[in-house]
Amino acid sequence: MMKKSSALMMSSVLLMSVVLAACGGNNNNTASNTAQNGSAGNKSGETKTVKIFQFKTEIVEGLNELKVEFEKENPNIKLDIQTVGGGADYAAALKTKFASGDAPDIFSNGGYAEMDLWGDKLEDLSDQPWVKDLIPLAAEPMTKDGKTYGMPMNLEGIGYVYNKDLFEKAGITETPKTITELEEVAKKLQAIDVIPFGNAYQEWWLLGNQGISVAFAQQDNVDEFISGLNAGTSTIVGNPVFKDWSNLLKLTVKYGQKNPLTTDANTHLAMFANGETAMMQEGNWAQTLVDNITPDMNIGMFPMPINDDAEKNDKLTVGIPANLVVNKESGSKEEAKTFLNWLVTSDMGKEYITKKWKFIPALSTIEATPEDIGLLGSDVWKYVQDGKVYGLQSSKFPDGVTQEFASVIQQLIADKVDEAGWEKGMQAAWDKLKK
């Protein structure tokens, strides 16, 4: 864990172009003064309900606790919180909500292509008091034409979570920075009768959203590559970076537990937390999940290396997992804005963001320490400080591609297609859903 002196309060670091997270300062605004901040909520005296539809399953308990406190302070506003996440298809469920006339007032949005997809439903939040406090790159996914359309919930790093004690027991002194080093690590773990990887490859989001992002991020120019895929001038077929990524996938299967395609995230978390496996592809959100099984476990995180270029591979995927947006057609949108403002300015909201959920804040006005965000969050922040980050690319994909990608990747894992067939399947998935 980093020293407390390097907590997320370094204003000089915030100016760096690589900055994706920060904390510091103190803002004690509460719901009682939201009126002067432009989010007064409902002034008529009638009780209104704000329907919230989001997908982060790990914060459900905390959201329900915050609901109680918020409603005490705002007796004319009731919160109706619904969560669809984990292995469920949130995007499909959200479309069903709107199609059935049960549209939420606040919902989750990934930004970039997903922001464009839902653009006609998004309220412009640029005048909200918290917007000025957003870390610039944290605001990027939900910013268009100079306007801000969503509140980033937090920053997350994605890579391999590892058991430091098992690494030490196996004589591993450094985290691997190349795929060759990663295989050497796996062999050393096998030698002490530990399964190197726990693979939850039943989960579409782990493969088609977060895992494959590395193959996009390591392109020479990822935005040009994605534009080329949409225009038909770029291709996944024959792309050497995708070949490298598939080699990493096969390595994890070779040194992983049996039946990865029928293993879900809860199972791989339990296997890891119980010491059966030494590594798992996860993000720093896993901190609270592991803590619930094995408190104070000695864990860390490192990037997913796909080849032997140590400099390219020693970069962690970091992005905004979700933004909270307001439905501009909502009859309770002012009340929705009141809740969002309360979430990031009230003492209780800020405490839950950092201490309860162990989020790396996306606003400079929320203070957090390494003790708050845990070992995994601290490792993520260290990569951010060092400028060793790739952005999470999946929000730039066409709608529905992440699930299609996962299906094709699962075929490769099951040996139903070879490498060439997998690349063709990935390209076909993109071509089918691109605009």
Protein backbone atom coordinates (compact mmCIF):
# COMPACT_ATOMS: atom_id res chain seq x y z
CA MET A 1 0.00 0.00 0.00
CA MET A 2 1.29 3.47 -0.81
CA LYS A 3 2.25 5.82 1.99
CA LYS A 4 -0.47 8.12 3.28
CA SER A 5 1.53 11.12 2.10
CA SER A 6 0.79 10.07 -1.46
CA ALA A 7 -2.96 9.96 -0.92
CA LEU A 8 -5.23 11.31 -3.58
CA MET A 9 -4.68 14.98 -2.78
CA MET A 10 -1.83 16.08 -5.04
CA SER A 11 -2.98 19.10 -6.99
CA SER A 12 0.08 19.09 -9.22
CA VAL A 13 -0.74 15.59 -10.39
CA LEU A 14 -4.27 16.66 -11.27
CA LEU A 15 -2.89 18.85 -14.04
CA MET A 16 -1.19 15.94 -15.80
CA SER A 17 -2.87 14.68 -18.93
CA VAL A 18 -2.84 11.15 -17.59
CA VAL A 19 -4.87 12.00 -14.53
CA LEU A 20 -7.96 9.86 -14.22
CA ALA A 21 -8.71 10.16 -10.52
CA ALA A 22 -8.17 12.41 -7.59
CA CYS A 23 -9.37 13.54 -4.24
CA GLY A 24 -8.71 16.32 -1.85
CA GLY A 25 -10.31 19.39 -0.43
CA ASN A 26 -13.49 19.39 1.52
CA ASN A 27 -16.96 20.48 0.52
CA ASN A 28 -19.59 20.28 3.21
CA ASN A 29 -22.59 21.19 1.08
CA THR A 30 -25.59 19.10 1.99
CA ALA A 31 -29.05 18.66 0.60
CA SER A 32 -30.23 21.57 2.76
CA ASN A 33 -28.43 24.10 0.55
CA THR A 34 -29.09 22.60 -2.84
CA ALA A 35 -31.54 25.37 -3.67
CA GLN A 36 -28.78 27.95 -3.98
CA ASN A 37 -26.78 25.49 -6.10
CA GLY A 38 -29.45 25.25 -8.75
CA SER A 39 -30.79 21.84 -7.73
CA ALA A 40 -33.59 22.81 -5.43
CA GLY A 41 -35.73 19.83 -6.31
CA ASN A 42 -39.47 19.99 -5.86
CA LYS A 43 -40.86 23.18 -4.38
CA SER A 44 -44.57 22.40 -4.64
CA GLY A 45 -44.79 20.42 -1.41
CA GLU A 46 -46.00 17.26 -3.11
CA THR A 47 -44.03 14.05 -2.70
CA LYS A 48 -42.26 12.88 -5.83
CA THR A 49 -40.50 9.59 -6.54
CA VAL A 50 -37.14 9.33 -8.29
CA LYS A 51 -36.68 5.96 -10.00
CA ILE A 52 -33.02 4.94 -10.19
CA PHE A 53 -31.97 2.09 -12.50
CA GLN A 54 -28.31 1.08 -12.28
CA PHE A 55 -26.06 -1.97 -12.64
CA LYS A 56 -23.39 -1.90 -9.93
CA THR A 57 -24.50 -4.81 -7.77
CA GLU A 58 -21.75 -4.25 -5.20
CA ILE A 59 -23.24 -0.91 -4.06
CA VAL A 60 -26.87 -1.99 -3.63
CA GLU A 61 -26.70 -2.27 0.16
CA GLY A 62 -25.02 1.12 0.46
CA LEU A 63 -27.49 2.79 -1.89
CA ASN A 64 -30.37 1.54 0.21
CA GLU A 65 -28.73 2.91 3.35
CA LEU A 66 -28.16 6.26 1.64
CA LYS A 67 -31.79 6.25 0.51
CA VAL A 68 -32.94 6.26 4.15
CA GLU A 69 -30.75 9.24 5.05
CA PHE A 70 -31.56 11.18 1.89
CA GLU A 71 -35.30 10.77 2.40
CA LYS A 72 -34.96 12.02 6.00
CA GLU A 73 -33.31 15.19 4.73
CA ASN A 74 -35.66 15.48 1.74
CA PRO A 75 -39.09 14.34 2.95
CA ASN A 76 -40.80 15.31 -0.32
CA ILE A 77 -38.55 13.02 -2.40
CA LYS A 78 -38.71 9.23 -2.38
CA LEU A 79 -36.11 7.00 -4.07
CA ASP A 80 -37.02 3.80 -5.90
CA ILE A 81 -33.72 1.98 -6.53
CA GLN A 82 -33.53 -0.96 -8.92
CA THR A 83 -30.38 -2.82 -9.92
CA VAL A 84 -29.75 -5.15 -12.84
CA GLY A 85 -26.13 -6.24 -13.04
CA GLY A 86 -23.68 -9.04 -12.50
CA GLY A 87 -24.28 -11.51 -15.31
CA ALA A 88 -27.55 -9.88 -16.37
CA ASP A 89 -27.82 -7.71 -19.49
CA TYR A 90 -28.35 -4.21 -18.14
CA ALA A 91 -28.51 -2.59 -21.60
CA ALA A 92 -31.35 -4.85 -22.70
CA ALA A 93 -33.19 -4.34 -19.43
CA LEU A 94 -32.89 -0.56 -19.78
CA LYS A 95 -34.34 -0.65 -23.29
CA THR A 96 -37.24 -2.72 -21.97
CA LYS A 97 -37.84 -0.14 -19.24
CA PHE A 98 -38.18 2.67 -21.76
CA ALA A 99 -40.20 0.60 -24.22
CA SER A 100 -42.71 -0.44 -21.54
CA GLY A 101 -43.36 3.11 -20.34
CA ASP A 102 -41.51 2.53 -17.05
CA ALA A 103 -38.54 4.77 -17.87
CA PRO A 104 -36.23 5.59 -14.95
CA ASP A 105 -35.44 9.13 -13.85
CA ILE A 106 -31.76 8.31 -13.25
CA PHE A 107 -29.92 5.54 -15.09
CA SER A 108 -26.41 4.32 -15.83
CA ASN A 109 -24.57 5.16 -19.04
CA GLY A 110 -21.05 4.21 -20.13
CA GLY A 111 -20.38 7.31 -22.22
CA TYR A 112 -18.91 7.75 -25.72
CA ALA A 113 -20.95 5.55 -28.12
CA GLU A 114 -23.44 4.74 -25.36
CA MET A 115 -23.95 8.45 -24.72
CA ASP A 116 -24.70 8.93 -28.42
CA LEU A 117 -27.09 5.97 -28.37
CA TRP A 118 -29.15 7.52 -25.59
CA GLY A 119 -28.52 11.13 -26.56
CA ASP A 120 -32.17 12.06 -27.09
CA LYS A 121 -33.00 11.02 -23.51
CA LEU A 122 -30.15 12.77 -21.67
CA GLU A 123 -30.61 15.93 -19.65
CA ASP A 124 -27.82 18.50 -19.97
CA LEU A 125 -26.22 18.64 -16.51
CA SER A 126 -23.63 21.30 -17.30
CA ASP A 127 -25.15 23.78 -14.84
CA GLN A 128 -24.92 21.42 -11.88
CA PRO A 129 -22.59 22.53 -9.03
CA TRP A 130 -20.46 19.35 -9.04
CA VAL A 131 -19.52 19.63 -12.74
CA LYS A 132 -16.75 22.17 -12.05
CA ASP A 133 -15.11 19.66 -9.70
CA LEU A 134 -14.86 16.77 -12.17
CA ILE A 135 -11.36 15.57 -13.02
CA PRO A 136 -11.12 16.48 -16.75
CA LEU A 137 -10.48 13.03 -18.17
CA ALA A 138 -13.10 11.54 -15.88
CA ALA A 139 -15.61 13.87 -17.53
CA GLU A 140 -14.61 12.95 -21.09
CA PRO A 141 -16.91 9.95 -21.69
CA MET A 142 -20.02 12.04 -20.96
CA THR A 143 -18.92 15.36 -22.49
CA LYS A 144 -20.03 16.39 -25.95
CA ASP A 145 -19.86 19.80 -27.63
CA GLY A 146 -18.75 21.30 -24.34
CA LYS A 147 -21.75 19.98 -22.42
CA THR A 148 -21.75 17.43 -19.58
CA TYR A 149 -24.48 14.79 -19.63
CA GLY A 150 -23.53 12.47 -16.78
CA MET A 151 -21.93 12.17 -13.36
CA PRO A 152 -19.04 9.66 -13.32
CA MET A 153 -19.48 7.35 -10.34
CA ASN A 154 -15.80 6.56 -9.88
CA LEU A 155 -12.63 5.40 -11.57
CA GLU A 156 -11.79 1.72 -11.85
CA GLY A 157 -8.71 -0.21 -12.82
CA ILE A 158 -8.96 -3.61 -14.51
CA GLY A 159 -6.23 -6.25 -14.58
CA TYR A 160 -5.12 -9.31 -12.66
CA VAL A 161 -5.80 -9.31 -8.94
CA TYR A 162 -3.20 -11.49 -7.23
CA ASN A 163 -2.47 -13.05 -3.86
CA LYS A 164 0.79 -11.55 -2.64
CA ASP A 165 1.33 -14.24 -0.01
CA LEU A 166 1.05 -17.05 -2.56
CA PHE A 167 3.42 -15.19 -4.89
CA GLU A 168 5.94 -14.91 -2.07
CA LYS A 169 5.51 -18.57 -1.17
CA ALA A 170 6.24 -19.51 -4.80
CA GLY A 171 9.39 -17.36 -4.81
CA ILE A 172 7.92 -14.69 -7.12
CA THR A 173 9.46 -11.34 -6.24
CA GLU A 174 8.06 -9.10 -9.00
CA THR A 175 4.80 -8.90 -10.88
CA PRO A 176 5.14 -10.00 -14.54
CA LYS A 177 5.38 -7.37 -17.24
CA THR A 178 5.47 -9.70 -20.26
CA ILE A 179 3.52 -12.78 -21.30
CA THR A 180 6.70 -14.88 -20.96
CA GLU A 181 7.14 -13.67 -17.38
CA LEU A 182 3.46 -14.38 -16.72
CA GLU A 183 3.88 -18.00 -17.81
CA GLU A 184 6.95 -18.33 -15.59
CA VAL A 185 4.84 -17.06 -12.68
CA ALA A 186 2.13 -19.61 -13.51
CA LYS A 187 4.64 -22.47 -13.52
CA LYS A 188 6.05 -21.44 -10.14
CA LEU A 189 2.54 -21.35 -8.66
CA GLN A 190 1.76 -24.78 -10.07
CA ALA A 191 4.94 -26.07 -8.46
CA ILE A 192 3.50 -25.28 -5.01
CA ASP A 193 0.15 -26.90 -5.92
CA VAL A 194 -1.72 -23.64 -6.41
CA ILE A 195 -3.98 -23.06 -9.43
CA PRO A 196 -2.51 -19.96 -11.09
CA PHE A 197 -5.71 -18.52 -12.65
CA GLY A 198 -9.34 -18.56 -11.63
CA ASN A 199 -11.24 -17.84 -14.86
CA ALA A 200 -14.87 -16.72 -14.76
CA TYR A 201 -15.27 -17.12 -18.49
CA GLN A 202 -18.99 -17.73 -18.20
CA GLU A 203 -19.27 -13.94 -17.74
CA TRP A 204 -19.75 -12.02 -20.99
CA TRP A 205 -18.71 -8.70 -19.46
CA LEU A 206 -15.37 -10.05 -18.28
CA LEU A 207 -14.44 -11.19 -21.79
CA GLY A 208 -16.27 -8.98 -24.27
CA ASN A 209 -16.20 -5.73 -22.34
CA GLN A 210 -13.19 -5.55 -20.05
CA GLY A 211 -10.78 -8.23 -21.24
CA ILE A 212 -10.82 -7.46 -24.96
CA SER A 213 -10.31 -3.76 -24.25
CA VAL A 214 -6.57 -4.43 -24.03
CA ALA A 215 -6.45 -5.59 -27.66
CA PHE A 216 -8.01 -2.29 -28.70
CA ALA A 217 -5.99 -0.10 -26.33
CA GLN A 218 -2.67 -1.44 -27.65
CA GLN A 219 -3.41 -0.46 -31.25
CA ASP A 220 -1.09 2.27 -32.55
CA ASN A 221 -4.04 4.70 -32.54
CA VAL A 222 -7.14 3.19 -30.98
CA ASP A 223 -9.60 5.89 -32.06
CA GLU A 224 -8.39 5.68 -35.66
CA PHE A 225 -8.62 1.90 -35.50
CA ILE A 226 -12.22 2.02 -34.22
CA SER A 227 -13.17 4.64 -36.81
CA GLY A 228 -11.62 2.39 -39.43
CA LEU A 229 -13.66 -0.59 -38.24
CA ASN A 230 -16.81 1.49 -38.64
CA ALA A 231 -15.72 2.74 -42.06
CA GLY A 232 -14.49 -0.64 -43.29
CA THR A 233 -10.86 0.47 -43.63
CA SER A 234 -9.54 -1.38 -40.54
CA THR A 235 -9.92 -5.06 -39.74
CA ILE A 236 -9.52 -7.40 -36.79
CA VAL A 237 -8.64 -10.24 -39.16
CA GLY A 238 -4.86 -10.58 -39.28
CA ASN A 239 -4.33 -7.86 -36.67
CA PRO A 240 -1.23 -8.88 -34.65
CA VAL A 241 -2.46 -7.31 -31.41
CA PHE A 242 -5.59 -9.46 -31.43
CA LYS A 243 -3.40 -12.50 -32.08
CA ASP A 244 -1.34 -11.54 -29.02
CA TRP A 245 -4.47 -11.13 -26.91
CA SER A 246 -5.72 -14.57 -27.88
CA ASN A 247 -2.37 -16.01 -26.76
CA LEU A 248 -2.92 -14.50 -23.31
CA LEU A 249 -6.42 -15.95 -23.18
CA LYS A 250 -5.12 -19.42 -24.03
CA LEU A 251 -2.39 -19.13 -21.41
CA THR A 252 -4.94 -18.37 -18.68
CA VAL A 253 -7.01 -21.39 -19.76
CA LYS A 254 -3.93 -23.64 -19.80
CA TYR A 255 -3.00 -22.62 -16.26
CA GLY A 256 -6.54 -22.17 -14.96
CA GLN A 257 -9.13 -24.25 -13.16
CA LYS A 258 -11.31 -26.79 -14.95
CA ASN A 259 -14.52 -25.74 -16.69
CA PRO A 260 -13.86 -21.99 -17.09
CA LEU A 261 -16.93 -21.57 -19.31
CA THR A 262 -19.24 -22.67 -16.51
CA THR A 263 -17.48 -20.63 -13.83
CA ASP A 264 -19.17 -17.37 -12.82
CA ALA A 265 -17.72 -14.35 -11.06
CA ASN A 266 -18.96 -15.35 -7.61
CA THR A 267 -17.19 -18.69 -7.93
CA HIS A 268 -13.88 -17.26 -9.08
CA LEU A 269 -14.03 -14.67 -6.28
CA ALA A 270 -14.62 -17.40 -3.70
CA MET A 271 -11.82 -19.56 -5.11
CA PHE A 272 -9.43 -16.63 -4.98
CA ALA A 273 -10.44 -15.43 -1.53
CA ASN A 274 -10.08 -18.97 -0.17
CA GLY A 275 -6.54 -19.28 -1.56
CA GLU A 276 -7.38 -21.92 -4.19
CA THR A 277 -6.23 -19.67 -7.03
CA ALA A 278 -3.54 -17.02 -7.11
CA MET A 279 -4.83 -14.67 -9.84
CA MET A 280 -8.12 -13.58 -11.37
CA GLN A 281 -9.08 -10.99 -13.95
CA GLU A 282 -10.96 -8.36 -11.94
CA GLY A 283 -11.01 -4.70 -11.01
CA ASN A 284 -10.44 -2.81 -7.80
CA TRP A 285 -14.19 -3.15 -7.08
CA ALA A 286 -13.27 -6.70 -6.02
CA GLN A 287 -11.72 -5.27 -2.84
CA THR A 288 -14.98 -5.24 -0.89
CA LEU A 289 -16.06 -8.59 -2.35
CA VAL A 290 -12.82 -10.30 -1.28
CA ASP A 291 -12.95 -8.55 2.10
CA ASN A 292 -16.39 -10.01 2.73
CA ILE A 293 -14.95 -13.53 2.37
CA THR A 294 -11.41 -13.10 3.73
CA PRO A 295 -10.85 -9.80 5.56
CA ASP A 296 -7.38 -8.20 5.37
CA MET A 297 -6.20 -10.48 2.57
CA ASN A 298 -2.82 -9.42 1.18
CA ILE A 299 -3.69 -8.63 -2.44
CA GLY A 300 -2.59 -6.42 -5.31
CA MET A 301 -3.17 -5.77 -8.99
CA PHE A 302 -1.08 -5.70 -12.17
CA PRO A 303 -1.87 -5.25 -15.91
CA MET A 304 -2.67 -8.01 -18.40
CA PRO A 305 0.46 -8.58 -20.55
CA ILE A 306 -0.29 -9.84 -24.06
CA ASN A 307 3.24 -10.06 -25.51
CA ASP A 308 6.88 -9.47 -24.58
CA ASP A 309 6.97 -5.67 -24.96
CA ALA A 310 7.35 -4.79 -21.29
CA GLU A 311 6.86 -1.05 -21.79
CA LYS A 312 3.57 -1.48 -23.65
CA ASN A 313 2.27 -4.13 -21.29
CA ASP A 314 3.05 -2.33 -18.04
CA LYS A 315 -0.07 -0.16 -18.35
CA LEU A 316 -3.26 -0.78 -16.42
CA THR A 317 -6.71 -0.42 -17.97
CA VAL A 318 -8.44 2.44 -16.16
CA GLY A 319 -11.81 3.90 -16.97
CA ILE A 320 -15.18 5.15 -15.82
CA PRO A 321 -17.39 2.09 -15.26
CA ALA A 322 -20.63 4.03 -15.21
CA ASN A 323 -22.07 7.51 -15.23
CA LEU A 324 -25.37 8.47 -13.65
CA VAL A 325 -27.54 10.39 -16.10
CA VAL A 326 -30.94 12.07 -15.83
CA ASN A 327 -33.81 11.29 -18.17
CA LYS A 328 -34.71 14.64 -19.70
CA GLU A 329 -38.31 13.50 -20.21
CA SER A 330 -38.69 12.71 -16.50
CA GLY A 331 -41.34 14.45 -14.44
CA SER A 332 -38.95 14.30 -11.48
CA LYS A 333 -35.75 15.50 -13.07
CA GLU A 334 -35.17 18.36 -10.63
CA GLU A 335 -35.54 15.91 -7.74
CA ALA A 336 -33.15 13.57 -9.55
CA LYS A 337 -30.58 16.36 -9.77
CA THR A 338 -31.04 17.06 -6.07
CA PHE A 339 -30.14 13.46 -5.25
CA LEU A 340 -27.06 13.43 -7.49
CA ASN A 341 -25.80 16.63 -5.91
CA TRP A 342 -26.43 15.25 -2.42
CA LEU A 343 -24.58 12.04 -3.27
CA VAL A 344 -21.30 13.84 -3.98
CA THR A 345 -21.54 16.78 -1.54
CA SER A 346 -23.10 15.40 1.65
CA ASP A 347 -20.76 14.03 4.29
CA MET A 348 -22.59 10.70 4.24
CA GLY A 349 -22.50 10.41 0.45
CA LYS A 350 -18.78 11.12 0.31
CA GLU A 351 -18.10 8.67 3.13
CA TYR A 352 -19.94 5.89 1.31
CA ILE A 353 -18.16 6.62 -1.98
CA THR A 354 -14.72 6.23 -0.43
CA LYS A 355 -14.95 4.21 2.77
CA LYS A 356 -17.94 1.93 2.11
CA TRP A 357 -17.57 1.30 -1.63
CA LYS A 358 -13.81 1.97 -1.73
CA PHE A 359 -14.28 3.98 -4.93
CA ILE A 360 -11.51 6.09 -6.42
CA PRO A 361 -13.40 9.41 -6.65
CA ALA A 362 -13.86 11.21 -9.95
CA LEU A 363 -14.31 14.60 -8.26
CA SER A 364 -11.48 16.64 -6.82
CA THR A 365 -13.65 17.65 -3.84
CA ILE A 366 -13.94 14.14 -2.44
CA GLU A 367 -11.03 13.26 -0.17
CA ALA A 368 -9.78 9.69 0.03
CA THR A 369 -6.73 7.96 1.46
CA PRO A 370 -5.13 4.60 0.65
CA GLU A 371 -6.75 3.30 3.84
CA ASP A 372 -10.14 4.28 2.41
CA ILE A 373 -9.82 2.72 -1.04
CA GLY A 374 -7.88 -0.40 -0.07
CA LEU A 375 -4.89 -2.24 -1.49
CA LEU A 376 -6.37 -2.63 -4.98
CA GLY A 377 -7.43 0.99 -5.29
CA SER A 378 -3.99 2.06 -4.10
CA ASP A 379 -2.31 -0.02 -6.80
CA VAL A 380 -4.60 1.50 -9.43
CA TRP A 381 -3.79 4.99 -8.20
CA LYS A 382 -0.06 4.25 -8.38
CA TYR A 383 -0.38 3.33 -12.06
CA VAL A 384 -2.33 6.55 -12.63
CA GLN A 385 0.33 8.60 -10.84
CA ASP A 386 3.04 6.99 -12.95
CA GLY A 387 1.13 7.66 -16.17
CA LYS A 388 0.93 3.94 -16.91
CA VAL A 389 -2.69 3.64 -18.00
CA TYR A 390 -4.83 2.64 -20.96
CA GLY A 391 -8.40 3.85 -21.17
CA LEU A 392 -11.24 1.30 -21.08
CA GLN A 393 -12.35 1.17 -24.72
CA SER A 394 -15.63 -0.77 -24.61
CA SER A 395 -17.88 2.30 -24.36
CA LYS A 396 -16.72 3.16 -27.88
CA PHE A 397 -18.02 -0.13 -29.31
CA PRO A 398 -21.31 -0.36 -31.24
CA ASP A 399 -24.31 -1.23 -29.09
CA GLY A 400 -24.45 -4.97 -28.38
CA VAL A 401 -20.93 -5.79 -29.60
CA THR A 402 -19.59 -6.66 -26.14
CA GLN A 403 -22.01 -9.59 -25.82
CA GLU A 404 -21.28 -10.72 -29.39
CA PHE A 405 -17.55 -10.52 -28.74
CA ALA A 406 -17.93 -12.64 -25.59
CA SER A 407 -19.80 -15.33 -27.51
CA VAL A 408 -17.05 -15.57 -30.13
CA ILE A 409 -14.31 -15.58 -27.46
CA GLN A 410 -16.11 -18.37 -25.62
CA GLN A 411 -16.10 -20.37 -28.86
CA LEU A 412 -12.32 -19.98 -28.99
CA ILE A 413 -11.99 -21.14 -25.38
CA ALA A 414 -14.15 -24.18 -26.18
CA ASP A 415 -12.02 -24.98 -29.29
CA LYS A 416 -15.06 -24.59 -31.53
CA VAL A 417 -13.10 -22.16 -33.73
CA ASP A 418 -9.40 -21.78 -34.44
CA GLU A 419 -7.47 -18.51 -34.26
CA ALA A 420 -8.40 -17.49 -37.82
CA GLY A 421 -12.05 -18.36 -37.26
CA TRP A 422 -12.07 -16.37 -34.04
CA GLU A 423 -10.73 -13.25 -35.76
CA LYS A 424 -13.33 -13.59 -38.52
CA GLY A 425 -16.05 -14.01 -35.90
CA MET A 426 -14.92 -10.88 -34.05
CA GLN A 427 -14.90 -8.88 -37.27
CA ALA A 428 -18.35 -10.21 -38.23
CA ALA A 429 -19.74 -9.21 -34.84
CA TRP A 430 -18.54 -5.63 -35.34
CA ASP A 431 -19.77 -5.46 -38.95
CA LYS A 432 -23.21 -6.72 -37.95
CA LEU A 433 -23.78 -4.01 -35.33
CA LYS A 434 -21.84 -1.00 -36.54
CA LYS A 435 -23.83 2.01 -37.70
